[in-house]
Amino acid sequence: MSARTPRGGLSSEQLLIAWQSASLLLGYPDEGLLGQLNLIRSATQRLPAEIAEPVLAFARHLESTPLASLQSAYVDTFDTRRRSNLFLTYFAHGDTRKRGMALLRFKQTYLQAGFTLDDSELPDHLCVVLEFAATVDQNAGRELILEHRAGLELLRLSLRDQGSAWVAVLDTVSSTLPPLRGDEREAVRRLAMEGPPEEEVGLSPFANPQFSPGAPPDLSNSPGAPPHLDKNTVLLPTPTFPGVRV
């Protein structure tokens, strides 16, 4: 897929802020995330209003909602529903060997950029992809997102249908991308009708096969779980917004 200009001609700095903010806000809500909201708010002052406002609205939601309620809603939204999980390749391939090849594409892209992801994490988790796109290689990261645009848009539609506050963050991500083309709109429509493939044949040797959206998550020690479940793993360098002070 050839590169396309981001919507609105955003600068590299603006893409960094938008994608890194979204990566942080899509993470598991905890005290650490709440402590970063002022930094995020300060950084989004450099974004166009239509991109910044959903971020700011979601930040207000995080601050006005009890943390336990946020955490319960997060797990219910992203860890138990096939149409609103955060693993991009799952939408197109489910737990099939085709998904394994798609995951390998992510890993190869990261390696070519000089970044090695811990083997305990799946490389298509949206937080990881957005952080990679923001801080490591914007062009390569954007291409990964665009290749899975249908899944991203289905996630956004699913969150909207659920009335989920997290849809604001997906609105921000979508607003940084080019408008959907005809074939992409058709892919979203087809995926919305059919949903992710249900056949489960295992991902080995490409990835850990234990993640299965639609089943209650094991929050103890599931190696295939989303990054937020492992508090000791740092996926990428500590998030910062260059030149931004609180």
Foldseek 3Di string as FASTA:
>chain_A
DDDDQWFPNDDLLQLLLLLLLLLLLLFQDDPVSLVCLVLSLQSCVPPPCQLSVLSVVLNVVSVVDPSVVSNVVSCVQAQAAQQAHQQLLCLAANQDQVSLVLQVVQQVLCVVLVAHFPQLERRRRSSNLSNCCNPGNVRSSVVNCVVSVLSLVSNLVVCVVVVHSSNSSSSSVVNRHDPDDPVSVVSNVVSNVVTGDDDRDHHPPRHHSPRHHNDRDDLPDRSHDHPNSDPVDDRDPDDDNPPGDD
